[in-house]
Amino acid sequence: MSNVSYYTAEGLKKLKEELDFLRDVERPKASQAIAEARDKGDLSENAEYDAAKEAQGLLEMKISKLEEVVANARIIDESQLDTSKVLVLSTVKIKNKVNGAQMSYTLVAESEADLKTNKISVSSPIGKGLLGKKVGDTAEIKVPNGTIEFEILEITRS
């Protein structure tokens, strides 16, 4: 079962750079740490060796996961995005129907989410609640302390 994820060209580039760093820099460091620990003698009582092997295992698992994400990643052609409804890479202006507060969020892949820049994940509760909605629709979003209603005011491309 493949888990296709959608990314901007910039987001996918960052993922690939991280993967290259782990393969080209961190993997040789882990191997070197194991070799140095092995040179210190008896492996049956060598905690440094055990720690280095465990760190290598965790690194290999991280590399494997990242390779899978990159293999299943698709770049979104932003010029082809439909602005009639909320999709990945849509920027959505919403209004809280209770307090009237207005916010604007861009829906992005999970790894690109950054609340400081108003980028939220499509897999977050708000992201899921907004997907597929049109201007004028009300999105009922379940959050830990209940349900919040947001009115969709505007949809644009990011």
Protein backbone atom coordinates (compact mmCIF):
# COMPACT_ATOMS: atom_id res chain seq x y z
CA MET A 1 0.00 0.00 0.00
CA SER A 2 1.58 3.26 -1.08
CA ASN A 3 1.00 6.48 0.80
CA VAL A 4 1.19 9.17 -1.86
CA SER A 5 2.00 12.61 -0.43
CA TYR A 6 1.84 15.88 -2.31
CA TYR A 7 4.60 18.46 -2.01
CA THR A 8 5.67 21.74 -3.45
CA ALA A 9 8.89 21.56 -5.45
CA GLU A 10 10.64 23.35 -2.56
CA GLY A 11 9.27 20.91 0.04
CA LEU A 12 10.38 17.86 -1.95
CA LYS A 13 13.82 19.40 -2.47
CA LYS A 14 14.21 19.81 1.33
CA LEU A 15 13.21 16.18 1.88
CA LYS A 16 15.76 14.97 -0.66
CA GLU A 17 18.47 17.16 0.90
CA GLU A 18 17.72 15.68 4.34
CA LEU A 19 17.85 12.15 2.90
CA ASP A 20 21.18 12.86 1.17
CA PHE A 21 22.59 14.29 4.43
CA LEU A 22 21.55 11.20 6.38
CA ARG A 23 23.02 8.85 3.75
CA ASP A 24 26.23 10.77 2.99
CA VAL A 25 27.13 12.27 6.39
CA GLU A 26 25.30 10.53 9.24
CA ARG A 27 25.60 6.93 7.94
CA PRO A 28 29.42 7.05 7.67
CA LYS A 29 29.58 8.66 11.14
CA ALA A 30 27.53 5.79 12.59
CA SER A 31 29.76 3.21 10.93
CA GLN A 32 32.85 4.99 12.26
CA ALA A 33 31.41 5.03 15.81
CA ILE A 34 30.79 1.27 15.62
CA ALA A 35 34.31 0.63 14.33
CA GLU A 36 35.85 2.73 17.13
CA ALA A 37 33.78 0.96 19.78
CA ARG A 38 34.67 -2.46 18.31
CA ASP A 39 38.37 -1.60 18.54
CA LYS A 40 38.03 -1.14 22.31
CA GLY A 41 37.89 -4.85 22.96
CA ASP A 42 35.39 -7.33 24.39
CA LEU A 43 32.04 -6.74 22.66
CA SER A 44 30.02 -8.66 25.28
CA GLU A 45 30.57 -5.92 27.88
CA ASN A 46 31.00 -2.93 25.59
CA ALA A 47 28.14 -0.46 26.20
CA GLU A 48 29.62 2.00 23.71
CA TYR A 49 29.39 -0.65 20.97
CA ASP A 50 25.77 -1.47 21.90
CA ALA A 51 24.83 2.22 21.86
CA ALA A 52 26.53 2.77 18.49
CA LYS A 53 24.71 -0.26 16.99
CA GLU A 54 21.37 1.00 18.34
CA ALA A 55 22.00 4.51 16.97
CA GLN A 56 22.85 2.99 13.60
CA GLY A 57 19.62 0.97 13.64
CA LEU A 58 17.56 4.09 14.37
CA LEU A 59 19.37 6.00 11.63
CA GLU A 60 18.75 3.23 9.08
CA MET A 61 15.07 3.19 10.04
CA LYS A 62 14.84 6.97 9.56
CA ILE A 63 16.60 6.70 6.17
CA SER A 64 14.25 3.90 5.11
CA LYS A 65 11.14 5.90 6.06
CA LEU A 66 12.43 8.99 4.26
CA GLU A 67 13.25 6.94 1.14
CA GLU A 68 9.66 5.66 1.14
CA VAL A 69 8.24 9.18 1.52
CA VAL A 70 10.42 10.50 -1.32
CA ALA A 71 9.53 7.53 -3.55
CA ASN A 72 5.80 8.18 -3.03
CA ALA A 73 6.02 11.98 -3.23
CA ARG A 74 4.28 13.86 -6.01
CA ILE A 75 4.89 17.49 -6.92
CA ILE A 76 1.78 19.60 -7.22
CA ASP A 77 1.51 21.79 -10.30
CA GLU A 78 0.30 24.95 -8.61
CA SER A 79 -0.86 26.49 -11.90
CA GLN A 80 -3.41 23.67 -12.30
CA LEU A 81 -5.02 24.12 -8.89
CA ASP A 82 -8.76 24.67 -8.84
CA THR A 83 -9.69 27.61 -6.61
CA SER A 84 -13.40 26.78 -6.50
CA LYS A 85 -12.81 24.44 -3.56
CA VAL A 86 -10.20 23.90 -0.87
CA LEU A 87 -7.36 21.59 -1.96
CA VAL A 88 -3.74 21.00 -1.00
CA LEU A 89 -1.81 24.28 -1.48
CA SER A 90 -5.00 26.36 -1.31
CA THR A 91 -4.81 29.46 0.83
CA VAL A 92 -8.10 29.73 2.69
CA LYS A 93 -9.46 32.76 4.48
CA ILE A 94 -11.87 31.62 7.19
CA LYS A 95 -14.00 33.27 9.85
CA ASN A 96 -14.80 31.75 13.24
CA LYS A 97 -18.62 31.94 13.39
CA VAL A 98 -18.63 32.32 17.18
CA ASN A 99 -16.16 35.14 17.80
CA GLY A 100 -15.84 36.56 14.26
CA ALA A 101 -12.05 36.12 14.19
CA GLN A 102 -10.63 35.82 10.68
CA MET A 103 -7.60 33.72 9.79
CA SER A 104 -5.84 32.69 6.65
CA TYR A 105 -4.11 29.31 6.26
CA THR A 106 -2.33 27.52 3.46
CA LEU A 107 -2.90 23.76 3.40
CA VAL A 108 0.32 21.83 2.85
CA ALA A 109 1.78 18.34 3.26
CA GLU A 110 2.47 17.30 6.84
CA SER A 111 6.25 17.76 6.56
CA GLU A 112 5.83 21.33 5.26
CA ALA A 113 3.43 22.48 7.99
CA ASP A 114 4.60 25.55 9.93
CA LEU A 115 2.11 27.45 12.05
CA LYS A 116 4.42 30.50 12.23
CA THR A 117 3.91 30.99 8.49
CA ASN A 118 0.23 29.94 8.61
CA LYS A 119 0.90 26.66 6.82
CA ILE A 120 -1.20 23.83 8.26
CA SER A 121 -1.16 20.16 7.40
CA VAL A 122 -3.97 18.72 5.30
CA SER A 123 -4.04 15.87 7.83
CA SER A 124 -4.60 18.20 10.82
CA PRO A 125 -8.16 18.52 12.16
CA ILE A 126 -8.60 21.98 10.61
CA GLY A 127 -7.00 20.89 7.33
CA LYS A 128 -9.26 17.83 7.06
CA GLY A 129 -12.30 19.93 7.89
CA LEU A 130 -11.54 22.50 5.20
CA LEU A 131 -10.70 20.13 2.33
CA GLY A 132 -13.32 20.12 -0.41
CA LYS A 133 -15.26 23.12 0.95
CA LYS A 134 -16.27 26.06 -1.26
CA VAL A 135 -16.59 29.79 -0.59
CA GLY A 136 -19.66 30.36 1.60
CA ASP A 137 -19.59 26.82 3.05
CA THR A 138 -19.38 26.22 6.77
CA ALA A 139 -16.74 23.81 8.01
CA GLU A 140 -17.52 22.11 11.31
CA ILE A 141 -14.18 21.15 12.79
CA LYS A 142 -13.91 18.85 15.76
CA VAL A 143 -11.20 19.94 18.17
CA PRO A 144 -10.35 18.52 21.60
CA ASN A 145 -12.70 20.91 23.41
CA GLY A 146 -15.69 20.59 21.05
CA THR A 147 -16.65 21.71 17.57
CA ILE A 148 -15.76 25.02 15.93
CA GLU A 149 -17.62 26.37 12.91
CA PHE A 150 -15.67 28.29 10.30
CA GLU A 151 -17.14 30.08 7.30
CA ILE A 152 -15.04 29.89 4.12
CA LEU A 153 -14.56 33.49 2.96
CA GLU A 154 -11.99 33.14 0.19
CA ILE A 155 -9.89 30.49 -1.59
CA THR A 156 -6.73 31.39 -3.51
CA ARG A 157 -3.61 29.60 -4.71
CA SER A 158 -0.61 29.80 -2.43
